Amino acid sequence: MWTGLKGKIGAWILNSPIRSIFTGKAKSAFLNVLSHHIKGDEVILDIGAGSGYFSLDIAEMLNTGHVICLDISNEMLNFLKNKAQKQGINDKIKIINSDASSIKLKDKSVNIVVSNFVLHEFTDPNIVFKEIFRVLKPNGFVIILDFLKDSKIAKKIDSRHHHGNAHGTFSVKEVEELYAKFELKNINVNVDKSWYISIGQKI
């Protein structure tokens, strides 16, 4: 768990230029996909926001909207909050210290739910998706970026989690089935060598 000293160090690492070497292309692709689904006034929930590597860029894309940054690590969220203040976008950032299996938001309260490189970490993604569907407004979108099952990096991740509680990475078929299980429509999965971006809409 990213708490205490580990959380502080992790927050720095996850926001360092080093990360962009491994995820830069994926981040650009994700933000491009997201840009086609926002006007600027949306409420966007970022599940597993961490230190704000994605959240802060998303906030910059909004005018009157804001990003709700959800994470279980206070250290990560404090790093995110401080960075948002330095960038002058703290009015576009809302912080929630909460588990994704029990999101502290009202039903049908957000326009878009996003999550980046976190889905494989959940013990039971079904519980998380139940919460996602609950807080998402009708016609809202779910956009998830994560490592692709059986890719080189995914194999390392799944090997590390083999004896843990994490679900592990998903294949394209498994992601599509997860979206469909919760009646999300217009499902589309864009695949790269080691990651995918999945999109679904609540009708």
Protein backbone atom coordinates (compact mmCIF):
# COMPACT_ATOMS: atom_id res chain seq x y z
CA MET A 1 0.00 0.00 0.00
CA TRP A 2 1.29 3.47 -0.94
CA THR A 3 1.30 5.01 2.53
CA GLY A 4 3.89 6.55 4.84
CA LEU A 5 7.40 6.95 3.45
CA LYS A 6 6.62 4.55 0.61
CA GLY A 7 3.74 6.80 -0.43
CA LYS A 8 5.91 9.93 -0.39
CA ILE A 9 8.65 8.30 -2.45
CA GLY A 10 6.11 6.71 -4.76
CA ALA A 11 4.39 10.04 -5.36
CA TRP A 12 7.66 11.56 -6.53
CA ILE A 13 8.51 8.60 -8.76
CA LEU A 14 5.06 8.51 -10.36
CA ASN A 15 5.37 12.19 -11.28
CA SER A 16 9.00 12.14 -12.38
CA PRO A 17 10.22 12.38 -16.00
CA ILE A 18 11.33 8.75 -15.63
CA ARG A 19 7.72 7.59 -15.80
CA SER A 20 7.12 9.33 -19.11
CA ILE A 21 9.77 7.12 -20.69
CA PHE A 22 7.55 4.10 -20.06
CA THR A 23 4.06 5.62 -20.25
CA GLY A 24 4.42 8.82 -22.27
CA LYS A 25 2.89 7.43 -25.46
CA ALA A 26 0.05 5.80 -23.54
CA LYS A 27 -0.67 9.02 -21.66
CA SER A 28 -0.82 11.06 -24.87
CA ALA A 29 -3.13 8.49 -26.46
CA PHE A 30 -5.40 8.47 -23.41
CA LEU A 31 -5.67 12.26 -23.24
CA ASN A 32 -6.43 12.34 -26.96
CA VAL A 33 -9.26 9.83 -26.54
CA LEU A 34 -10.62 11.74 -23.55
CA SER A 35 -10.54 15.05 -25.44
CA HIS A 36 -13.15 13.72 -27.86
CA HIS A 37 -15.61 13.21 -25.02
CA ILE A 38 -15.36 16.47 -23.09
CA LYS A 39 -16.65 20.00 -23.62
CA GLY A 40 -15.01 21.51 -20.55
CA ASP A 41 -17.81 21.57 -18.00
CA GLU A 42 -17.71 17.91 -16.99
CA VAL A 43 -17.26 16.34 -13.58
CA ILE A 44 -14.62 13.64 -14.10
CA LEU A 45 -13.81 10.96 -11.53
CA ASP A 46 -10.23 9.66 -11.64
CA ILE A 47 -10.08 6.34 -9.77
CA GLY A 48 -6.64 5.61 -8.39
CA ALA A 49 -5.51 9.15 -9.13
CA GLY A 50 -2.33 8.70 -7.12
CA SER A 51 -0.03 11.70 -7.33
CA GLY A 52 -1.94 13.28 -10.21
CA TYR A 53 0.13 12.17 -13.20
CA PHE A 54 -3.06 12.06 -15.28
CA SER A 55 -5.46 14.10 -13.11
CA LEU A 56 -3.57 17.37 -13.41
CA ASP A 57 -3.47 17.21 -17.21
CA ILE A 58 -7.16 16.35 -17.30
CA ALA A 59 -7.93 19.36 -15.09
CA GLU A 60 -6.03 21.60 -17.52
CA MET A 61 -8.45 20.47 -20.25
CA LEU A 62 -11.50 21.73 -18.34
CA ASN A 63 -13.06 25.18 -18.09
CA THR A 64 -15.85 25.12 -15.51
CA GLY A 65 -15.60 21.40 -14.79
CA HIS A 66 -13.41 19.62 -12.26
CA VAL A 67 -11.65 16.34 -11.57
CA ILE A 68 -12.50 14.27 -8.50
CA CYS A 69 -9.27 12.52 -7.54
CA LEU A 70 -9.91 9.31 -5.62
CA ASP A 71 -7.15 7.32 -3.97
CA ILE A 72 -6.50 5.41 -0.74
CA SER A 73 -3.10 7.03 -0.16
CA ASN A 74 -3.10 10.32 1.76
CA GLU A 75 0.54 10.83 0.84
CA MET A 76 -0.22 10.57 -2.86
CA LEU A 77 -3.22 12.89 -2.59
CA ASN A 78 -1.27 15.48 -0.60
CA PHE A 79 1.40 15.50 -3.31
CA LEU A 80 -1.35 15.94 -5.91
CA LYS A 81 -3.00 18.77 -3.97
CA ASN A 82 0.27 20.66 -3.54
CA LYS A 83 1.14 20.32 -7.20
CA ALA A 84 -2.33 21.52 -8.23
CA GLN A 85 -1.86 24.61 -6.08
CA LYS A 86 1.52 25.33 -7.66
CA GLN A 87 -0.03 25.00 -11.12
CA GLY A 88 -2.91 27.28 -10.14
CA ILE A 89 -5.60 24.69 -10.84
CA ASN A 90 -6.62 23.71 -7.31
CA ASP A 91 -10.15 24.99 -8.04
CA LYS A 92 -10.45 22.23 -10.65
CA ILE A 93 -9.32 19.47 -8.30
CA LYS A 94 -11.40 17.74 -5.62
CA ILE A 95 -9.76 15.19 -3.33
CA ILE A 96 -11.41 12.04 -1.97
CA ASN A 97 -9.49 9.61 0.23
CA SER A 98 -11.53 6.47 -0.38
CA ASP A 99 -11.48 2.90 -1.59
CA ALA A 100 -12.79 2.37 -5.12
CA SER A 101 -15.09 -0.39 -3.88
CA SER A 102 -17.07 2.17 -1.86
CA ILE A 103 -16.95 5.54 -3.59
CA LYS A 104 -18.11 8.44 -1.44
CA LEU A 105 -20.21 10.09 -4.14
CA LYS A 106 -23.92 10.33 -4.87
CA ASP A 107 -25.61 8.24 -7.54
CA LYS A 108 -25.41 9.64 -11.07
CA SER A 109 -23.07 12.47 -10.06
CA VAL A 110 -20.21 12.33 -12.60
CA ASN A 111 -20.02 12.62 -16.38
CA ILE A 112 -16.90 10.56 -17.00
CA VAL A 113 -15.00 7.95 -14.98
CA VAL A 114 -11.36 7.34 -15.82
CA SER A 115 -8.68 5.08 -14.40
CA ASN A 116 -5.09 4.66 -15.53
CA PHE A 117 -2.86 1.64 -14.90
CA VAL A 118 -4.94 0.72 -11.84
CA LEU A 119 -7.62 -1.79 -12.93
CA HIS A 120 -5.28 -4.76 -12.56
CA GLU A 121 -4.62 -3.77 -8.92
CA PHE A 122 -8.21 -4.25 -7.74
CA THR A 123 -9.07 -7.38 -5.78
CA ASP A 124 -12.53 -7.56 -7.35
CA PRO A 125 -13.02 -5.33 -10.40
CA ASN A 126 -16.71 -6.28 -10.44
CA ILE A 127 -17.30 -4.41 -7.19
CA VAL A 128 -15.47 -1.38 -8.54
CA PHE A 129 -17.48 -1.43 -11.77
CA LYS A 130 -20.70 -1.65 -9.80
CA GLU A 131 -19.68 1.57 -8.06
CA ILE A 132 -18.62 3.15 -11.35
CA PHE A 133 -22.01 2.40 -12.88
CA ARG A 134 -23.74 3.82 -9.79
CA VAL A 135 -21.98 7.21 -9.78
CA LEU A 136 -21.98 7.64 -13.57
CA LYS A 137 -24.68 9.80 -15.15
CA PRO A 138 -26.73 8.44 -18.06
CA ASN A 139 -24.82 8.91 -21.34
CA GLY A 140 -21.60 9.18 -19.34
CA PHE A 141 -18.38 7.41 -20.33
CA VAL A 142 -15.94 5.01 -18.69
CA ILE A 143 -12.41 5.29 -20.09
CA ILE A 144 -9.72 2.97 -18.76
CA LEU A 145 -6.05 2.68 -19.65
CA ASP A 146 -4.14 -0.34 -18.39
CA PHE A 147 -1.49 -2.89 -19.28
CA LEU A 148 -2.49 -5.55 -21.80
CA LYS A 149 -2.53 -9.12 -20.56
CA ASP A 150 0.32 -11.31 -21.83
CA SER A 151 2.42 -8.32 -22.84
CA LYS A 152 5.97 -8.33 -21.51
CA ILE A 153 5.29 -5.83 -18.73
CA ALA A 154 1.93 -7.43 -17.86
CA LYS A 155 3.60 -10.80 -17.34
CA LYS A 156 5.95 -9.20 -14.81
CA ILE A 157 3.05 -7.51 -13.05
CA ASP A 158 0.94 -10.66 -12.93
CA SER A 159 3.89 -12.69 -11.68
CA ARG A 160 4.38 -10.19 -8.86
CA HIS A 161 0.69 -10.36 -7.94
CA HIS A 162 0.41 -14.15 -8.24
CA HIS A 163 0.20 -14.71 -4.50
CA GLY A 164 -1.46 -11.39 -3.68
CA ASN A 165 -5.02 -10.11 -3.72
CA ALA A 166 -4.84 -8.18 -6.99
CA HIS A 167 -6.90 -9.43 -9.92
CA GLY A 168 -4.14 -9.00 -12.48
CA THR A 169 -4.17 -7.68 -16.03
CA PHE A 170 -6.98 -8.12 -18.56
CA SER A 171 -7.14 -9.29 -22.15
CA VAL A 172 -9.25 -7.36 -24.66
CA LYS A 173 -11.99 -9.98 -24.45
CA GLU A 174 -12.01 -9.86 -20.65
CA VAL A 175 -12.29 -6.07 -20.64
CA GLU A 176 -15.15 -6.16 -23.14
CA GLU A 177 -16.95 -8.76 -21.02
CA LEU A 178 -16.49 -6.65 -17.88
CA TYR A 179 -17.96 -3.58 -19.57
CA ALA A 180 -20.85 -5.57 -21.03
CA LYS A 181 -21.63 -7.20 -17.68
CA PHE A 182 -22.54 -3.78 -16.34
CA GLU A 183 -24.59 -2.90 -19.40
CA LEU A 184 -22.16 -0.36 -20.79
CA LYS A 185 -22.70 0.18 -24.50
CA ASN A 186 -20.68 1.40 -27.50
CA ILE A 187 -17.70 -0.54 -26.16
CA ASN A 188 -14.41 0.03 -27.93
CA VAL A 189 -10.91 -1.16 -27.02
CA ASN A 190 -7.88 0.46 -28.64
CA VAL A 191 -4.81 -1.77 -28.34
CA ASP A 192 -1.11 -1.00 -28.42
CA LYS A 193 1.80 -3.36 -27.88
CA SER A 194 1.67 -3.34 -24.08
CA TRP A 195 -1.46 -1.41 -23.14
CA TYR A 196 -5.05 -0.75 -24.12
CA ILE A 197 -7.59 2.05 -23.79
CA SER A 198 -11.15 0.84 -23.28
CA ILE A 199 -14.27 2.97 -23.64
CA GLY A 200 -17.89 2.29 -22.74
CA GLN A 201 -21.02 4.39 -22.35
CA LYS A 202 -23.87 4.21 -19.86
CA ILE A 203 -27.10 4.50 -21.82
